[in-house]
C-alpha atoms as a PDB file:
ATOM      1  CA  MET A   1      69.550  21.190  26.894  1.00  0.00           C
ATOM      2  CA  GLU A   2      72.941  19.227  25.568  1.00  0.00           C
ATOM      3  CA  PHE A   3      72.900  17.178  22.405  1.00  0.00           C
ATOM      4  CA  ARG A   4      76.172  15.385  21.000  1.00  0.00           C
ATOM      5  CA  ILE A   5      75.956  14.229  17.330  1.00  0.00           C
ATOM      6  CA  ALA A   6      77.091  10.396  17.837  1.00  0.00           C
ATOM      7  CA  HIS A   7      75.876   9.118  14.368  1.00  0.00           C
ATOM      8  CA  THR A   8      75.880   9.086  10.795  1.00  0.00           C
ATOM      9  CA  TRP A   9      73.108  10.064   9.221  1.00  0.00           C
ATOM     10  CA  ASP A  10      72.555   6.040   8.614  1.00  0.00           C
ATOM     11  CA  GLY A  11      72.989   5.172  12.263  1.00  0.00           C
ATOM     12  CA  SER A  12      76.784   4.242  12.447  1.00  0.00           C
ATOM     13  CA  PRO A  13      78.591   5.697  15.754  1.00  0.00           C
ATOM     14  CA  VAL A  14      81.317   8.375  14.587  1.00  0.00           C
ATOM     15  CA  GLU A  15      84.706   7.872  14.569  1.00  0.00           C
ATOM     16  CA  HIS A  16      85.704  11.049  16.246  1.00  0.00           C
ATOM     17  CA  GLU A  17      84.829  12.831  19.459  1.00  0.00           C
ATOM     18  CA  PRO A  18      81.340  13.891  18.604  1.00  0.00           C
ATOM     19  CA  ALA A  19      79.988  17.471  17.512  1.00  0.00           C
ATOM     20  CA  CYS A  20      77.974  19.069  20.733  1.00  0.00           C
ATOM     21  CA  VAL A  21      75.000  21.519  20.361  1.00  0.00           C
ATOM     22  CA  ARG A  22      73.707  23.220  23.579  1.00  0.00           C
ATOM     23  CA  LEU A  23      70.721  25.001  23.850  1.00  0.00           C
ATOM     24  CA  GLN A  24      70.761  28.085  26.567  1.00  0.00           C
ATOM     25  CA  PRO A  25      67.411  30.240  27.178  1.00  0.00           C
ATOM     26  CA  ARG A  26      67.559  34.099  27.110  1.00  0.00           C
ATOM     27  CA  SER A  27      64.865  36.458  27.263  1.00  0.00           C
ATOM     28  CA  ALA A  28      64.996  37.699  23.763  1.00  0.00           C
ATOM     29  CA  GLY A  29      65.173  33.502  22.226  1.00  0.00           C
ATOM     30  CA  VAL A  30      67.878  31.051  22.580  1.00  0.00           C
ATOM     31  CA  LEU A  31      71.793  31.206  22.648  1.00  0.00           C
ATOM     32  CA  LEU A  32      72.649  28.451  20.315  1.00  0.00           C
ATOM     33  CA  GLU A  33      76.168  26.606  21.560  1.00  0.00           C
ATOM     34  CA  VAL A  34      78.179  24.627  19.306  1.00  0.00           C
ATOM     35  CA  THR A  35      81.646  22.453  20.329  1.00  0.00           C
ATOM     36  CA  ALA A  36      82.936  20.819  17.607  1.00  0.00           C
ATOM     37  CA  PRO A  37      86.297  18.520  16.038  1.00  0.00           C
ATOM     38  CA  LEU A  38      87.511  20.809  13.548  1.00  0.00           C
ATOM     39  CA  PHE A  39      88.278  19.112   9.943  1.00  0.00           C
ATOM     40  CA  ASN A  40      89.180  21.997   7.902  1.00  0.00           C
ATOM     41  CA  ASP A  41      87.892  20.413   5.008  1.00  0.00           C
ATOM     42  CA  PRO A  42      86.840  21.989   2.958  1.00  0.00           C
ATOM     43  CA  PRO A  43      88.580  25.184   3.224  1.00  0.00           C
ATOM     44  CA  ALA A  44      86.932  27.935   4.581  1.00  0.00           C
ATOM     45  CA  PRO A  45      84.283  29.501   2.274  1.00  0.00           C
ATOM     46  CA  ALA A  46      84.662  33.181   0.455  1.00  0.00           C
ATOM     47  CA  GLY A  47      82.323  34.814   2.348  1.00  0.00           C
ATOM     48  CA  ALA A  48      83.243  37.050   5.254  1.00  0.00           C
ATOM     49  CA  PRO A  49      83.235  35.545   8.520  1.00  0.00           C
ATOM     50  CA  GLY A  50      79.855  36.732  10.391  1.00  0.00           C
ATOM     51  CA  GLN A  51      77.962  37.421   7.670  1.00  0.00           C
ATOM     52  CA  PRO A  52      75.323  34.702   5.619  1.00  0.00           C
ATOM     53  CA  PHE A  53      76.636  32.491   3.186  1.00  0.00           C
ATOM     54  CA  SER A  54      74.289  31.078   0.521  1.00  0.00           C
ATOM     55  CA  GLY A  55      75.502  27.292  -0.151  1.00  0.00           C
ATOM     56  CA  LEU A  56      77.272  26.941   3.356  1.00  0.00           C
ATOM     57  CA  TRP A  57      75.657  23.171   3.703  1.00  0.00           C
ATOM     58  CA  ASP A  58      78.806  22.309   0.974  1.00  0.00           C
ATOM     59  CA  TYR A  59      81.631  23.030   3.531  1.00  0.00           C
ATOM     60  CA  GLU A  60      82.447  22.069   7.429  1.00  0.00           C
ATOM     61  CA  VAL A  61      79.337  23.390   9.064  1.00  0.00           C
ATOM     62  CA  VAL A  62      77.090  22.472  12.161  1.00  0.00           C
ATOM     63  CA  GLU A  63      73.278  22.550  11.697  1.00  0.00           C
ATOM     64  CA  ALA A  64      70.337  22.699  14.215  1.00  0.00           C
ATOM     65  CA  PHE A  65      66.799  22.481  13.088  1.00  0.00           C
ATOM     66  CA  PHE A  66      63.370  23.836  15.053  1.00  0.00           C
ATOM     67  CA  LEU A  67      59.858  22.177  13.582  1.00  0.00           C
ATOM     68  CA  ASN A  68      56.713  22.563  14.727  1.00  0.00           C
ATOM     69  CA  ASP A  69      55.517  19.196  12.707  1.00  0.00           C
ATOM     70  CA  LEU A  70      51.529  19.989  12.599  1.00  0.00           C
ATOM     71  CA  THR A  71      52.467  22.578  10.038  1.00  0.00           C
ATOM     72  CA  GLU A  72      55.863  21.574   8.980  1.00  0.00           C
ATOM     73  CA  GLN A  73      57.409  25.183   9.553  1.00  0.00           C
ATOM     74  CA  TYR A  74      61.024  25.160  10.194  1.00  0.00           C
ATOM     75  CA  LEU A  75      64.183  26.755  11.516  1.00  0.00           C
ATOM     76  CA  GLU A  76      67.468  25.887   9.834  1.00  0.00           C
ATOM     77  CA  VAL A  77      70.481  27.230  11.748  1.00  0.00           C
ATOM     78  CA  GLU A  78      73.956  26.537   9.738  1.00  0.00           C
ATOM     79  CA  LEU A  79      76.651  27.334  12.002  1.00  0.00           C
ATOM     80  CA  CYS A  80      80.619  27.100  10.305  1.00  0.00           C
ATOM     81  CA  PRO A  81      83.977  27.150  12.109  1.00  0.00           C
ATOM     82  CA  HIS A  82      85.043  30.334   9.836  1.00  0.00           C
ATOM     83  CA  GLY A  83      82.694  32.147  11.058  1.00  0.00           C
ATOM     84  CA  GLN A  84      80.239  32.344   8.192  1.00  0.00           C
ATOM     85  CA  HIS A  85      75.913  31.125   9.256  1.00  0.00           C
ATOM     86  CA  LEU A  86      73.268  31.001   7.510  1.00  0.00           C
ATOM     87  CA  VAL A  87      69.216  31.358   8.519  1.00  0.00           C
ATOM     88  CA  LEU A  88      66.821  29.194   6.799  1.00  0.00           C
ATOM     89  CA  LEU A  89      63.166  29.599   7.180  1.00  0.00           C
ATOM     90  CA  LEU A  90      61.258  27.165   5.869  1.00  0.00           C
ATOM     91  CA  SER A  91      57.410  26.813   4.891  1.00  0.00           C
ATOM     92  CA  GLY A  92      56.617  22.696   4.294  1.00  0.00           C
ATOM     93  CA  ARG A  93      59.786  20.195   3.288  1.00  0.00           C
ATOM     94  CA  ARG A  94      62.469  22.313   2.007  1.00  0.00           C
ATOM     95  CA  ASN A  95      60.362  24.936   1.043  1.00  0.00           C
ATOM     96  CA  VAL A  96      62.781  28.012   1.568  1.00  0.00           C
ATOM     97  CA  TRP A  97      60.620  30.819   2.006  1.00  0.00           C
ATOM     98  CA  LYS A  98      63.223  33.501   3.587  1.00  0.00           C
ATOM     99  CA  GLN A  99      66.813  33.089   4.043  1.00  0.00           C
ATOM    100  CA  GLY A 100      70.013  35.024   4.714  1.00  0.00           C
ATOM    101  CA  LEU A 101      68.769  36.546   8.294  1.00  0.00           C
ATOM    102  CA  PRO A 102      71.691  38.394  10.067  1.00  0.00           C
ATOM    103  CA  LEU A 103      72.797  36.347  13.539  1.00  0.00           C
ATOM    104  CA  PRO A 104      75.060  37.314  16.058  1.00  0.00           C
ATOM    105  CA  PHE A 105      77.596  34.584  15.915  1.00  0.00           C
ATOM    106  CA  ARG A 106      80.605  34.241  17.980  1.00  0.00           C
ATOM    107  CA  VAL A 107      83.277  31.154  16.782  1.00  0.00           C
ATOM    108  CA  SER A 108      86.929  30.609  17.932  1.00  0.00           C
ATOM    109  CA  ARG A 109      89.304  27.874  16.650  1.00  0.00           C
ATOM    110  CA  ARG A 110      92.204  26.293  18.059  1.00  0.00           C
ATOM    111  CA  GLU A 111      93.992  23.152  16.248  1.00  0.00           C
ATOM    112  CA  THR A 112      91.832  20.490  16.012  1.00  0.00           C
ATOM    113  CA  SER A 113      88.656  22.052  17.665  1.00  0.00           C
ATOM    114  CA  TRP A 114      86.196  25.014  16.976  1.00  0.00           C
ATOM    115  CA  GLU A 115      83.032  26.718  19.312  1.00  0.00           C
ATOM    116  CA  GLY A 116      80.472  28.869  18.169  1.00  0.00           C
ATOM    117  CA  GLU A 117      77.948  30.817  20.572  1.00  0.00           C
ATOM    118  CA  ALA A 118      74.797  32.412  18.120  1.00  0.00           C
ATOM    119  CA  HIS A 119      71.796  34.700  19.627  1.00  0.00           C
ATOM    120  CA  LEU A 120      68.766  33.107  17.945  1.00  0.00           C
ATOM    121  CA  PRO A 121      65.795  35.264  18.071  1.00  0.00           C
ATOM    122  CA  TRP A 122      61.950  34.438  19.092  1.00  0.00           C
ATOM    123  CA  SER A 123      60.816  35.576  15.906  1.00  0.00           C
ATOM    124  CA  TYR A 124      62.872  33.466  13.755  1.00  0.00           C
ATOM    125  CA  PHE A 125      61.284  30.546  15.416  1.00  0.00           C
ATOM    126  CA  PRO A 126      57.574  28.889  13.856  1.00  0.00           C
ATOM    127  CA  ALA A 127      55.262  28.676  16.726  1.00  0.00           C
ATOM    128  CA  GLY A 128      54.660  25.695  18.195  1.00  0.00           C
ATOM    129  CA  VAL A 129      57.932  24.212  17.840  1.00  0.00           C
ATOM    130  CA  SER A 130      57.692  21.097  19.022  1.00  0.00           C
ATOM    131  CA  ARG A 131      60.551  19.144  17.758  1.00  0.00           C
ATOM    132  CA  PHE A 132      64.280  19.264  16.692  1.00  0.00           C
ATOM    133  CA  ASN A 133      67.807  17.448  15.207  1.00  0.00           C
ATOM    134  CA  ALA A 134      70.766  18.698  14.653  1.00  0.00           C
ATOM    135  CA  PHE A 135      73.600  17.837  11.635  1.00  0.00           C
ATOM    136  CA  ALA A 136      77.345  18.122  11.487  1.00  0.00           C
ATOM    137  CA  ILE A 137      79.065  17.933   7.914  1.00  0.00           C
ATOM    138  CA  HIS A 138      82.844  17.728   6.813  1.00  0.00           C
ATOM    139  CA  GLY A 139      84.883  16.495   4.257  1.00  0.00           C
ATOM    140  CA  SER A 140      85.586  17.173   0.970  1.00  0.00           C
ATOM    141  CA  ALA A 141      84.533  14.664  -2.447  1.00  0.00           C
ATOM    142  CA  ALA A 142      84.277  11.075  -1.032  1.00  0.00           C
ATOM    143  CA  GLY A 143      85.781  11.832   2.218  1.00  0.00           C
ATOM    144  CA  ARG A 144      82.415  13.839   2.754  1.00  0.00           C
ATOM    145  CA  ARG A 145      80.755  12.906   6.285  1.00  0.00           C
ATOM    146  CA  TYR A 146      77.387  13.587   7.146  1.00  0.00           C
ATOM    147  CA  GLU A 147      76.374  13.356  10.904  1.00  0.00           C
ATOM    148  CA  ALA A 148      73.132  13.456  12.654  1.00  0.00           C
ATOM    149  CA  LEU A 149      71.873  13.687  16.255  1.00  0.00           C
ATOM    150  CA  TYR A 150      68.524  12.193  15.161  1.00  0.00           C
ATOM    151  CA  PRO A 151      69.927   9.167  12.615  1.00  0.00           C
ATOM    152  CA  VAL A 152      67.684   7.635  10.182  1.00  0.00           C
ATOM    153  CA  PRO A 153      67.069   3.840  11.363  1.00  0.00           C
ATOM    154  CA  ARG A 154      68.490   1.526  10.372  1.00  0.00           C
ATOM    155  CA  ARG A 155      65.442  -0.732   9.863  1.00  0.00           C
ATOM    156  CA  ASP A 156      64.570   2.727   7.436  1.00  0.00           C
ATOM    157  CA  LEU A 157      67.373   2.593   5.301  1.00  0.00           C
ATOM    158  CA  ARG A 158      67.005   1.613   1.516  1.00  0.00           C
ATOM    159  CA  PRO A 159      69.150   0.678  -1.261  1.00  0.00           C
ATOM    160  CA  GLY A 160      71.098   3.897  -2.920  1.00  0.00           C
ATOM    161  CA  GLN A 161      69.534   6.363  -0.246  1.00  0.00           C
ATOM    162  CA  THR A 162      71.738   9.364   0.649  1.00  0.00           C
ATOM    163  CA  ALA A 163      71.576  11.921   3.728  1.00  0.00           C
ATOM    164  CA  ASP A 164      69.126  13.978   3.511  1.00  0.00           C
ATOM    165  CA  PHE A 165      67.933  16.166   6.840  1.00  0.00           C
ATOM    166  CA  HIS A 166      64.567  17.489   5.767  1.00  0.00           C
ATOM    167  CA  ARG A 167      63.549  13.817   6.987  1.00  0.00           C
ATOM    168  CA  LEU A 168      61.065  15.322   9.193  1.00  0.00           C
ATOM    169  CA  GLU A 169      59.916  12.350  10.556  1.00  0.00           C
ATOM    170  CA  TYR A 170      63.050  11.165  12.521  1.00  0.00           C
ATOM    171  CA  PHE A 171      62.927  14.271  14.416  1.00  0.00           C
ATOM    172  CA  GLN A 172      62.622  13.928  17.873  1.00  0.00           C
ATOM    173  CA  PRO A 173      60.570  15.665  20.445  1.00  0.00           C
ATOM    174  CA  LEU A 174      61.804  19.470  22.227  1.00  0.00           C
ATOM    175  CA  SER A 175      60.187  21.143  24.572  1.00  0.00           C
ATOM    176  CA  PHE A 176      61.140  24.829  25.231  1.00  0.00           C
ATOM    177  CA  ASN A 177      58.659  24.670  28.409  1.00  0.00           C
ATOM    178  CA  SER A 178      61.512  22.345  30.126  1.00  0.00           C
ATOM    179  CA  LEU A 179      63.814  25.321  29.671  1.00  0.00           C
ATOM    180  CA  LEU A 180      61.961  28.101  30.311  1.00  0.00           C
ATOM    181  CA  GLY A 181      59.247  26.725  32.536  1.00  0.00           C
ATOM    182  CA  GLU A 182      55.543  25.231  32.156  1.00  0.00           C
ATOM    183  CA  GLU A 183      53.907  28.872  32.404  1.00  0.00           C
ATOM    184  CA  TRP A 184      56.349  30.076  29.621  1.00  0.00           C
ATOM    185  CA  LYS A 185      54.526  30.959  26.023  1.00  0.00           C
ATOM    186  CA  GLN A 186      56.780  31.660  23.394  1.00  0.00           C
ATOM    187  CA  PRO A 187      56.575  35.614  21.772  1.00  0.00           C
ATOM    188  CA  ASP A 188      54.671  36.191  18.115  1.00  0.00           C
ATOM    189  CA  SER A 189      56.911  36.250  15.543  1.00  0.00           C
ATOM    190  CA  ASP A 190      56.959  39.057  13.052  1.00  0.00           C
ATOM    191  CA  LEU A 191      58.278  36.818  10.240  1.00  0.00           C
ATOM    192  CA  TRP A 192      55.910  34.177  10.260  1.00  0.00           C
ATOM    193  CA  PRO A 193      52.647  35.889   9.160  1.00  0.00           C
ATOM    194  CA  ALA A 194      53.962  36.102   5.715  1.00  0.00           C
ATOM    195  CA  ALA A 195      55.114  32.506   5.154  1.00  0.00           C
END
């Protein structure tokens, strides 16, 4: 599955090559691949590459969200072109109950683009993932840009509204069975029963 983040959070077309997110099945989970422009703005976070970094959303990132829309349990994965990552498990809108999980993540940068690969184990996904969205963030201060695979529809925009990636009602359907076959069943997680 391949997704292009071609719009701003409020539905305008992006003015550069869109970030691309791909999902590839693996026996123990999903390979999340990112190809994106490199803005290098803001500069790299102070955290070590390959390690979780709290507050990564304040830097240049591409994010993927996997939601069970009945329980509002979801996985948020943030990947940075400088090698840091952040995995959040949420139970209810914006309700983080686990974060900073380890993540095998490789990144390579060129002058104007970057690529990343992260292996997401099945234990990180809530049961019954049914919806998905992806986002790209870059820039500083007034130049900060928020981009969405599935933006807020123009008819729903309100004066003064700002980007909010936890608007779960705008996520779109995703079926892992289309990746892994109709007979596939998601493995049970040893993490989510604690939510």
